[in-house]
């Protein structure tokens, strides 16, 4: 069974959240910029999407958007 990484990410708005990391372990470093990644996990009994969030390494040179979280740490 494969493992997964977790991080504490400091959001630009102030809160710190804990989240699963999406990517290879070698892609992450403490203090690096990360961005949010949303995934539809399944649909509930009413047909509504159940969505989870996780963070992945920010794309180098990409403009910071509403889902970016500079200074996130793993």
N, C-alpha and C. Protein backbone atom coordinates (compact mmCIF):
# COMPACT_ATOMS: atom_id res chain seq x y z
N UNK A 1 0.85 -1.18 0.00
CA UNK A 1 0.00 0.00 0.00
C UNK A 1 0.89 1.24 0.00
N UNK A 2 0.64 2.16 -0.91
CA UNK A 2 1.43 3.39 -1.02
C UNK A 2 1.03 4.37 0.08
N UNK A 3 2.01 5.13 0.55
CA UNK A 3 1.74 6.14 1.55
C UNK A 3 1.45 7.48 0.90
N UNK A 4 1.29 8.49 1.70
CA UNK A 4 1.05 9.83 1.19
C UNK A 4 1.66 10.84 2.16
N UNK A 5 1.95 12.01 1.65
CA UNK A 5 2.50 13.08 2.48
C UNK A 5 1.41 14.00 2.98
N UNK A 6 1.68 14.64 4.08
CA UNK A 6 0.77 15.65 4.62
C UNK A 6 1.57 16.92 4.90
N UNK A 7 0.86 18.04 4.96
CA UNK A 7 1.53 19.32 5.18
C UNK A 7 0.67 20.24 6.01
N UNK A 8 1.32 21.20 6.64
CA UNK A 8 0.64 22.35 7.22
C UNK A 8 0.91 23.49 6.25
N UNK A 9 -0.16 24.09 5.73
CA UNK A 9 -0.03 25.14 4.72
C UNK A 9 -0.58 26.45 5.29
N UNK A 10 0.24 27.49 5.24
CA UNK A 10 -0.18 28.82 5.66
C UNK A 10 -0.84 29.52 4.47
N UNK A 11 -2.14 29.76 4.56
CA UNK A 11 -2.86 30.42 3.48
C UNK A 11 -2.63 31.93 3.53
N UNK A 12 -2.70 32.61 2.37
CA UNK A 12 -2.49 34.06 2.34
C UNK A 12 -3.47 34.83 3.23
N UNK A 13 -4.66 34.28 3.44
CA UNK A 13 -5.68 34.95 4.24
C UNK A 13 -5.42 34.82 5.75
N UNK A 14 -4.46 33.99 6.14
CA UNK A 14 -4.11 33.86 7.54
C UNK A 14 -4.22 32.48 8.15
N UNK A 15 -5.26 31.69 7.80
CA UNK A 15 -5.37 30.39 8.45
C UNK A 15 -4.26 29.42 8.04
N UNK A 16 -3.98 28.49 8.90
CA UNK A 16 -3.06 27.38 8.62
C UNK A 16 -3.92 26.11 8.56
N UNK A 17 -3.79 25.36 7.46
CA UNK A 17 -4.58 24.13 7.30
C UNK A 17 -3.65 22.94 7.14
N UNK A 18 -4.15 21.80 7.52
CA UNK A 18 -3.43 20.55 7.29
C UNK A 18 -4.09 19.85 6.12
N UNK A 19 -3.28 19.26 5.26
CA UNK A 19 -3.83 18.67 4.05
C UNK A 19 -2.92 17.55 3.54
N UNK A 20 -3.51 16.71 2.72
CA UNK A 20 -2.76 15.69 1.99
C UNK A 20 -2.01 16.39 0.86
N UNK A 21 -0.83 15.88 0.53
CA UNK A 21 -0.05 16.39 -0.59
C UNK A 21 -0.28 15.51 -1.80
N UNK A 22 -0.33 16.11 -2.99
CA UNK A 22 -0.52 15.39 -4.23
C UNK A 22 0.74 15.52 -5.07
N UNK A 23 1.43 14.41 -5.29
CA UNK A 23 2.67 14.41 -6.06
C UNK A 23 3.65 13.43 -5.44
N UNK A 24 4.82 13.36 -6.04
CA UNK A 24 5.87 12.48 -5.53
C UNK A 24 6.54 13.12 -4.32
N UNK A 25 6.94 12.33 -3.33
CA UNK A 25 7.60 12.89 -2.14
C UNK A 25 8.82 13.76 -2.46
N UNK A 26 9.54 13.42 -3.52
CA UNK A 26 10.73 14.18 -3.89
C UNK A 26 10.41 15.58 -4.43
N UNK A 27 9.13 15.85 -4.74
CA UNK A 27 8.73 17.14 -5.29
C UNK A 27 8.52 18.20 -4.21
N UNK A 28 8.51 17.83 -2.96
CA UNK A 28 8.14 18.75 -1.89
C UNK A 28 9.32 19.11 -1.01
N UNK A 29 9.29 20.33 -0.50
CA UNK A 29 10.31 20.80 0.44
C UNK A 29 9.65 21.79 1.40
N UNK A 30 10.13 21.83 2.61
CA UNK A 30 9.61 22.76 3.60
C UNK A 30 9.78 24.18 3.10
N UNK A 31 8.72 24.97 3.19
CA UNK A 31 8.75 26.37 2.80
C UNK A 31 8.43 26.64 1.35
N UNK A 32 8.21 25.61 0.54
CA UNK A 32 7.94 25.83 -0.88
C UNK A 32 6.51 26.32 -1.11
N UNK A 33 6.29 26.96 -2.26
CA UNK A 33 4.95 27.40 -2.64
C UNK A 33 4.16 26.20 -3.15
N UNK A 34 2.91 26.14 -2.76
CA UNK A 34 2.01 25.08 -3.20
C UNK A 34 0.72 25.71 -3.70
N UNK A 35 -0.07 24.91 -4.44
CA UNK A 35 -1.37 25.37 -4.91
C UNK A 35 -2.39 24.28 -4.65
N UNK A 36 -3.63 24.70 -4.56
CA UNK A 36 -4.70 23.75 -4.22
C UNK A 36 -5.05 22.89 -5.42
N UNK A 37 -5.44 21.67 -5.14
CA UNK A 37 -5.87 20.71 -6.15
C UNK A 37 -7.18 20.12 -5.65
N UNK A 38 -8.25 20.26 -6.42
CA UNK A 38 -9.55 19.73 -6.03
C UNK A 38 -9.85 18.46 -6.81
N UNK A 39 -10.45 17.48 -6.14
CA UNK A 39 -10.80 16.22 -6.78
C UNK A 39 -12.20 15.82 -6.37
N UNK A 40 -13.02 15.44 -7.35
CA UNK A 40 -14.34 14.89 -7.03
C UNK A 40 -14.12 13.44 -6.64
N UNK A 41 -14.38 13.15 -5.39
CA UNK A 41 -14.14 11.82 -4.84
C UNK A 41 -15.23 10.84 -5.23
N UNK A 42 -16.47 11.32 -5.13
CA UNK A 42 -17.63 10.48 -5.47
C UNK A 42 -18.87 11.37 -5.46
N UNK A 43 -20.01 10.77 -5.66
CA UNK A 43 -21.28 11.48 -5.51
C UNK A 43 -22.02 10.88 -4.33
N UNK A 44 -22.70 11.74 -3.58
CA UNK A 44 -23.48 11.24 -2.44
C UNK A 44 -24.81 10.69 -2.93
N UNK A 45 -25.65 10.23 -2.02
CA UNK A 45 -26.91 9.59 -2.40
C UNK A 45 -27.86 10.54 -3.12
N UNK A 46 -27.66 11.88 -2.95
CA UNK A 46 -28.51 12.86 -3.62
C UNK A 46 -27.94 13.28 -4.97
N UNK A 47 -26.80 12.70 -5.36
CA UNK A 47 -26.19 13.04 -6.64
C UNK A 47 -25.25 14.24 -6.58
N UNK A 48 -25.00 14.77 -5.38
CA UNK A 48 -24.08 15.91 -5.23
C UNK A 48 -22.65 15.41 -5.18
N UNK A 49 -21.75 16.17 -5.79
CA UNK A 49 -20.33 15.82 -5.76
C UNK A 49 -19.75 15.98 -4.36
N UNK A 50 -18.96 15.00 -3.95
CA UNK A 50 -18.18 15.10 -2.71
C UNK A 50 -16.76 15.42 -3.17
N UNK A 51 -16.30 16.63 -2.81
CA UNK A 51 -15.03 17.14 -3.30
C UNK A 51 -14.03 17.20 -2.15
N UNK A 52 -12.80 16.77 -2.42
CA UNK A 52 -11.72 16.88 -1.44
C UNK A 52 -10.69 17.88 -1.96
N UNK A 53 -9.90 18.41 -1.05
CA UNK A 53 -8.80 19.28 -1.46
C UNK A 53 -7.49 18.70 -0.99
N UNK A 54 -6.45 19.05 -1.69
CA UNK A 54 -5.10 18.68 -1.33
C UNK A 54 -4.19 19.72 -1.98
N UNK A 55 -2.92 19.69 -1.69
CA UNK A 55 -2.01 20.67 -2.26
C UNK A 55 -0.93 19.96 -3.08
N UNK A 56 -0.49 20.63 -4.15
CA UNK A 56 0.57 20.14 -5.03
C UNK A 56 1.59 21.25 -5.19
N UNK A 57 2.80 20.93 -5.66
CA UNK A 57 3.80 21.97 -5.87
C UNK A 57 3.27 23.03 -6.84
N UNK A 58 3.52 24.30 -6.54
CA UNK A 58 3.10 25.39 -7.43
C UNK A 58 3.94 25.32 -8.70
N UNK A 59 3.32 25.66 -9.80
CA UNK A 59 4.05 25.70 -11.07
C UNK A 59 5.00 26.88 -11.07
N UNK A 60 6.22 26.63 -11.42
CA UNK A 60 7.23 27.68 -11.46
C UNK A 60 6.83 28.71 -12.52
N UNK A 61 6.83 29.98 -12.12
CA UNK A 61 6.52 31.05 -13.05
C UNK A 61 5.04 31.30 -13.24
N UNK A 62 4.17 30.51 -12.61
CA UNK A 62 2.74 30.73 -12.75
C UNK A 62 2.31 31.89 -11.86
N UNK A 63 1.33 32.63 -12.31
CA UNK A 63 0.80 33.74 -11.51
C UNK A 63 0.05 33.18 -10.32
N UNK A 64 0.20 33.80 -9.16
CA UNK A 64 -0.51 33.35 -7.97
C UNK A 64 -1.98 33.63 -8.13
N UNK A 65 -2.78 32.62 -7.93
CA UNK A 65 -4.22 32.78 -8.04
C UNK A 65 -4.88 32.57 -6.70
N UNK A 66 -6.20 32.53 -6.69
CA UNK A 66 -6.93 32.40 -5.42
C UNK A 66 -6.65 31.10 -4.70
N UNK A 67 -6.19 30.07 -5.40
CA UNK A 67 -5.92 28.79 -4.76
C UNK A 67 -4.45 28.60 -4.37
N UNK A 68 -3.62 29.60 -4.63
CA UNK A 68 -2.20 29.42 -4.33
C UNK A 68 -1.94 29.75 -2.87
N UNK A 69 -0.96 29.11 -2.31
CA UNK A 69 -0.63 29.32 -0.90
C UNK A 69 0.87 29.42 -0.76
N UNK A 70 1.44 30.62 -0.89
CA UNK A 70 2.87 30.74 -0.77
C UNK A 70 3.34 30.38 0.62
N UNK A 71 4.51 29.79 0.69
CA UNK A 71 5.09 29.48 1.98
C UNK A 71 4.52 28.25 2.64
N UNK A 72 3.78 27.45 1.90
CA UNK A 72 3.28 26.21 2.48
C UNK A 72 4.44 25.33 2.88
N UNK A 73 4.22 24.48 3.84
CA UNK A 73 5.32 23.62 4.26
C UNK A 73 4.87 22.17 4.29
N UNK A 74 5.81 21.29 4.09
CA UNK A 74 5.49 19.86 4.13
C UNK A 74 6.16 19.21 5.31
